[in-house]
C-alpha atoms as a PDB file:
ATOM      1  CA  MET A   1     118.897 143.649  92.276  1.00  0.00           C
ATOM      2  CA  ASP A   2     116.715 145.144  95.001  1.00  0.00           C
ATOM      3  CA  THR A   3     117.829 145.557  98.573  1.00  0.00           C
ATOM      4  CA  VAL A   4     116.498 142.841 100.862  1.00  0.00           C
ATOM      5  CA  CYS A   5     115.024 144.063 104.153  1.00  0.00           C
ATOM      6  CA  ILE A   6     115.360 141.621 107.045  1.00  0.00           C
ATOM      7  CA  ALA A   7     114.057 141.974 110.598  1.00  0.00           C
ATOM      8  CA  VAL A   8     115.596 140.156 113.552  1.00  0.00           C
ATOM      9  CA  VAL A   9     113.628 139.997 116.787  1.00  0.00           C
ATOM     10  CA  GLY A  10     115.736 140.312 119.942  1.00  0.00           C
ATOM     11  CA  ALA A  11     118.892 142.197 120.858  1.00  0.00           C
ATOM     12  CA  GLY A  12     120.528 139.613 123.098  1.00  0.00           C
ATOM     13  CA  VAL A  13     123.365 137.296 122.088  1.00  0.00           C
ATOM     14  CA  ILE A  14     121.217 135.232 119.712  1.00  0.00           C
ATOM     15  CA  GLY A  15     119.486 138.181 118.048  1.00  0.00           C
ATOM     16  CA  LEU A  16     122.628 140.260 117.551  1.00  0.00           C
ATOM     17  CA  SER A  17     124.640 137.228 116.404  1.00  0.00           C
ATOM     18  CA  THR A  18     121.938 136.465 113.866  1.00  0.00           C
ATOM     19  CA  ALA A  19     121.835 140.080 112.687  1.00  0.00           C
ATOM     20  CA  ALA A  20     125.637 140.221 112.353  1.00  0.00           C
ATOM     21  CA  CYS A  21     125.751 136.963 110.368  1.00  0.00           C
ATOM     22  CA  ILE A  22     122.948 138.029 108.056  1.00  0.00           C
ATOM     23  CA  SER A  23     124.538 141.412 107.409  1.00  0.00           C
ATOM     24  CA  GLN A  24     127.798 139.659 106.449  1.00  0.00           C
ATOM     25  CA  LEU A  25     126.291 136.822 104.408  1.00  0.00           C
ATOM     26  CA  VAL A  26     123.407 138.449 102.528  1.00  0.00           C
ATOM     27  CA  PRO A  27     124.585 140.926  99.920  1.00  0.00           C
ATOM     28  CA  ARG A  28     122.674 144.167  99.561  1.00  0.00           C
ATOM     29  CA  CYS A  29     120.522 143.745 102.628  1.00  0.00           C
ATOM     30  CA  THR A  30     119.408 145.972 105.451  1.00  0.00           C
ATOM     31  CA  VAL A  31     118.959 144.361 108.835  1.00  0.00           C
ATOM     32  CA  THR A  32     116.675 145.831 111.473  1.00  0.00           C
ATOM     33  CA  VAL A  33     116.865 144.531 115.032  1.00  0.00           C
ATOM     34  CA  ILE A  34     113.547 144.778 116.837  1.00  0.00           C
ATOM     35  CA  SER A  35     113.630 144.599 120.620  1.00  0.00           C
ATOM     36  CA  ASP A  36     112.089 146.190 123.650  1.00  0.00           C
ATOM     37  CA  ARG A  37     115.598 146.462 125.167  1.00  0.00           C
ATOM     38  CA  PHE A  38     119.104 146.933 123.833  1.00  0.00           C
ATOM     39  CA  THR A  39     122.521 146.695 125.429  1.00  0.00           C
ATOM     40  CA  PRO A  40     123.194 147.407 128.256  1.00  0.00           C
ATOM     41  CA  ASP A  41     119.606 146.695 129.329  1.00  0.00           C
ATOM     42  CA  THR A  42     119.154 143.120 128.093  1.00  0.00           C
ATOM     43  CA  THR A  43     119.084 139.921 130.125  1.00  0.00           C
ATOM     44  CA  SER A  44     122.139 138.802 128.167  1.00  0.00           C
ATOM     45  CA  ASN A  45     124.108 141.808 129.421  1.00  0.00           C
ATOM     46  CA  VAL A  46     124.259 140.574 132.978  1.00  0.00           C
ATOM     47  CA  ALA A  47     125.225 136.988 132.241  1.00  0.00           C
ATOM     48  CA  ALA A  48     128.688 135.888 131.271  1.00  0.00           C
ATOM     49  CA  GLY A  49     128.649 132.596 129.453  1.00  0.00           C
ATOM     50  CA  MET A  50     130.986 129.643 129.472  1.00  0.00           C
ATOM     51  CA  LEU A  51     130.746 127.573 126.339  1.00  0.00           C
ATOM     52  CA  ILE A  52     129.573 124.143 127.517  1.00  0.00           C
ATOM     53  CA  PRO A  53     126.781 122.480 125.548  1.00  0.00           C
ATOM     54  CA  HIS A  54     123.873 120.520 126.926  1.00  0.00           C
ATOM     55  CA  LYS A  55     122.365 117.608 125.066  1.00  0.00           C
ATOM     56  CA  TYR A  56     118.911 118.180 123.573  1.00  0.00           C
ATOM     57  CA  ALA A  57     116.912 114.987 123.089  1.00  0.00           C
ATOM     58  CA  ASP A  58     115.122 116.198 119.948  1.00  0.00           C
ATOM     59  CA  THR A  59     118.309 117.235 118.098  1.00  0.00           C
ATOM     60  CA  PRO A  60     120.701 114.595 116.720  1.00  0.00           C
ATOM     61  CA  VAL A  61     124.027 114.545 118.572  1.00  0.00           C
ATOM     62  CA  PRO A  62     126.076 114.974 115.352  1.00  0.00           C
ATOM     63  CA  THR A  63     124.143 118.185 114.654  1.00  0.00           C
ATOM     64  CA  GLN A  64     124.706 119.468 118.187  1.00  0.00           C
ATOM     65  CA  LYS A  65     128.403 118.623 117.948  1.00  0.00           C
ATOM     66  CA  ARG A  66     128.703 120.477 114.632  1.00  0.00           C
ATOM     67  CA  TRP A  67     127.005 123.538 116.127  1.00  0.00           C
ATOM     68  CA  PHE A  68     129.284 123.412 119.164  1.00  0.00           C
ATOM     69  CA  ARG A  69     132.434 122.959 117.074  1.00  0.00           C
ATOM     70  CA  GLU A  70     131.503 125.877 114.779  1.00  0.00           C
ATOM     71  CA  THR A  71     130.770 128.108 117.774  1.00  0.00           C
ATOM     72  CA  PHE A  72     133.969 127.058 119.551  1.00  0.00           C
ATOM     73  CA  GLU A  73     136.048 127.733 116.438  1.00  0.00           C
ATOM     74  CA  HIS A  74     134.372 131.110 115.861  1.00  0.00           C
ATOM     75  CA  LEU A  75     134.892 132.266 119.438  1.00  0.00           C
ATOM     76  CA  SER A  76     138.453 130.855 119.456  1.00  0.00           C
ATOM     77  CA  GLU A  77     139.315 133.086 116.513  1.00  0.00           C
ATOM     78  CA  ILE A  78     137.976 136.067 118.420  1.00  0.00           C
ATOM     79  CA  ALA A  79     139.900 135.019 121.562  1.00  0.00           C
ATOM     80  CA  LYS A  80     143.130 134.891 119.513  1.00  0.00           C
ATOM     81  CA  SER A  81     142.545 138.286 117.936  1.00  0.00           C
ATOM     82  CA  ALA A  82     143.999 141.624 118.978  1.00  0.00           C
ATOM     83  CA  GLU A  83     140.530 142.781 120.012  1.00  0.00           C
ATOM     84  CA  ALA A  84     139.815 139.820 122.339  1.00  0.00           C
ATOM     85  CA  ALA A  85     140.041 141.876 125.540  1.00  0.00           C
ATOM     86  CA  ASP A  86     137.697 144.552 124.166  1.00  0.00           C
ATOM     87  CA  VAL A  87     135.241 141.920 122.930  1.00  0.00           C
ATOM     88  CA  GLY A  88     135.263 139.993 126.219  1.00  0.00           C
ATOM     89  CA  VAL A  89     136.035 136.538 124.791  1.00  0.00           C
ATOM     90  CA  HIS A  90     138.814 134.493 126.342  1.00  0.00           C
ATOM     91  CA  LEU A  91     139.898 130.986 127.280  1.00  0.00           C
ATOM     92  CA  VAL A  92     139.044 129.708 130.743  1.00  0.00           C
ATOM     93  CA  SER A  93     139.988 126.449 132.423  1.00  0.00           C
ATOM     94  CA  GLY A  94     138.016 124.769 135.134  1.00  0.00           C
ATOM     95  CA  TRP A  95     136.108 121.812 136.418  1.00  0.00           C
ATOM     96  CA  GLN A  96     132.606 120.534 135.991  1.00  0.00           C
ATOM     97  CA  ILE A  97     131.754 118.460 139.053  1.00  0.00           C
ATOM     98  CA  PHE A  98     128.907 116.008 139.713  1.00  0.00           C
ATOM     99  CA  ARG A  99     127.239 114.533 142.802  1.00  0.00           C
ATOM    100  CA  SER A 100     126.736 111.270 140.889  1.00  0.00           C
ATOM    101  CA  VAL A 101     128.563 109.812 137.924  1.00  0.00           C
ATOM    102  CA  PRO A 102     126.874 111.041 134.722  1.00  0.00           C
ATOM    103  CA  ALA A 103     125.535 108.539 132.187  1.00  0.00           C
ATOM    104  CA  GLU A 104     128.196 109.768 129.752  1.00  0.00           C
ATOM    105  CA  GLU A 105     131.496 110.210 131.527  1.00  0.00           C
ATOM    106  CA  VAL A 106     132.992 111.545 128.304  1.00  0.00           C
ATOM    107  CA  PRO A 107     130.483 113.922 126.670  1.00  0.00           C
ATOM    108  CA  PHE A 108     130.056 114.314 122.916  1.00  0.00           C
ATOM    109  CA  TRP A 109     131.914 117.635 123.006  1.00  0.00           C
ATOM    110  CA  ALA A 110     135.028 116.359 124.816  1.00  0.00           C
ATOM    111  CA  ASP A 111     137.191 116.443 121.678  1.00  0.00           C
ATOM    112  CA  VAL A 112     136.144 120.007 120.852  1.00  0.00           C
ATOM    113  CA  VAL A 113     137.239 121.754 124.058  1.00  0.00           C
ATOM    114  CA  LEU A 114     140.912 121.872 124.981  1.00  0.00           C
ATOM    115  CA  GLY A 115     142.557 119.316 127.271  1.00  0.00           C
ATOM    116  CA  PHE A 116     139.429 117.411 128.313  1.00  0.00           C
ATOM    117  CA  ARG A 117     140.068 114.789 130.997  1.00  0.00           C
ATOM    118  CA  LYS A 118     138.402 113.188 133.980  1.00  0.00           C
ATOM    119  CA  MET A 119     139.431 114.753 137.280  1.00  0.00           C
ATOM    120  CA  THR A 120     141.839 112.792 139.447  1.00  0.00           C
ATOM    121  CA  GLU A 121     140.933 111.442 142.869  1.00  0.00           C
ATOM    122  CA  ALA A 122     143.247 114.018 144.422  1.00  0.00           C
ATOM    123  CA  GLU A 123     141.376 116.846 142.666  1.00  0.00           C
ATOM    124  CA  LEU A 124     137.984 115.442 143.675  1.00  0.00           C
ATOM    125  CA  LYS A 125     139.066 115.371 147.348  1.00  0.00           C
ATOM    126  CA  ARG A 126     138.779 119.175 147.281  1.00  0.00           C
ATOM    127  CA  PHE A 127     135.044 118.693 146.756  1.00  0.00           C
ATOM    128  CA  PRO A 128     134.022 115.943 149.212  1.00  0.00           C
ATOM    129  CA  GLN A 129     130.320 116.063 148.325  1.00  0.00           C
ATOM    130  CA  TYR A 130     131.088 115.292 144.654  1.00  0.00           C
ATOM    131  CA  VAL A 131     132.024 111.916 143.173  1.00  0.00           C
ATOM    132  CA  PHE A 132     132.964 112.714 139.588  1.00  0.00           C
ATOM    133  CA  GLY A 133     134.410 115.591 137.644  1.00  0.00           C
ATOM    134  CA  GLN A 134     135.776 116.730 134.316  1.00  0.00           C
ATOM    135  CA  ALA A 135     138.551 119.228 133.678  1.00  0.00           C
ATOM    136  CA  PHE A 136     138.883 121.186 130.434  1.00  0.00           C
ATOM    137  CA  THR A 137     139.499 124.556 128.849  1.00  0.00           C
ATOM    138  CA  THR A 138     136.691 126.292 127.003  1.00  0.00           C
ATOM    139  CA  LEU A 139     135.720 129.846 126.133  1.00  0.00           C
ATOM    140  CA  LYS A 140     134.076 132.475 128.252  1.00  0.00           C
ATOM    141  CA  CYS A 141     132.136 135.371 126.837  1.00  0.00           C
ATOM    142  CA  GLU A 142     131.657 138.514 128.921  1.00  0.00           C
ATOM    143  CA  THR A 143     128.430 139.760 127.413  1.00  0.00           C
ATOM    144  CA  SER A 144     128.765 143.285 128.788  1.00  0.00           C
ATOM    145  CA  ALA A 145     131.614 143.695 126.261  1.00  0.00           C
ATOM    146  CA  TYR A 146     130.485 141.159 123.649  1.00  0.00           C
ATOM    147  CA  LEU A 147     127.005 142.597 123.036  1.00  0.00           C
ATOM    148  CA  PRO A 148     128.167 146.131 122.162  1.00  0.00           C
ATOM    149  CA  TRP A 149     130.751 144.581 119.812  1.00  0.00           C
ATOM    150  CA  LEU A 150     128.061 142.412 118.169  1.00  0.00           C
ATOM    151  CA  GLU A 151     125.812 145.442 117.873  1.00  0.00           C
ATOM    152  CA  ARG A 152     128.565 147.346 116.029  1.00  0.00           C
ATOM    153  CA  ARG A 153     129.145 144.343 113.740  1.00  0.00           C
ATOM    154  CA  ALA A 154     125.427 144.002 113.029  1.00  0.00           C
ATOM    155  CA  ILE A 155     125.164 147.608 111.863  1.00  0.00           C
ATOM    156  CA  GLY A 156     128.381 147.409 109.880  1.00  0.00           C
ATOM    157  CA  LEU A 157     130.694 149.555 111.981  1.00  0.00           C
ATOM    158  CA  LEU A 158     133.303 146.786 112.274  1.00  0.00           C
END
């Protein structure tokens, strides 16, 4: 069987994640990442990300929930690993607060994150300009550490 050559455009979180997955899932392939910038000079490098999905009208909610659950489970495994600190993935708890009550007080992803609940009145008093809030634990990804790790995975060094 011939070697398959695959090109991935972009060296941010999406591009490097795609390259890493392809290199693991496609036997006998070479993956080339094409980008005008690589870590540490990408837009992704300066943005840490908390895993909280947003609903997209053109994508069925069950599909979005599956994507979110798979991502949450994947990052949770990394957060539990011995290399979590070096990779920059860890659990973080916090609040999401709103100036008006959202149409969905319990979002589709509430049973995926850890400990989802509505904030109490006492908690909301800390934020007098807000009328509704949610408390939960999710994952945070420090991309300044995560991107170099993904890059090493994509080229097969991990």
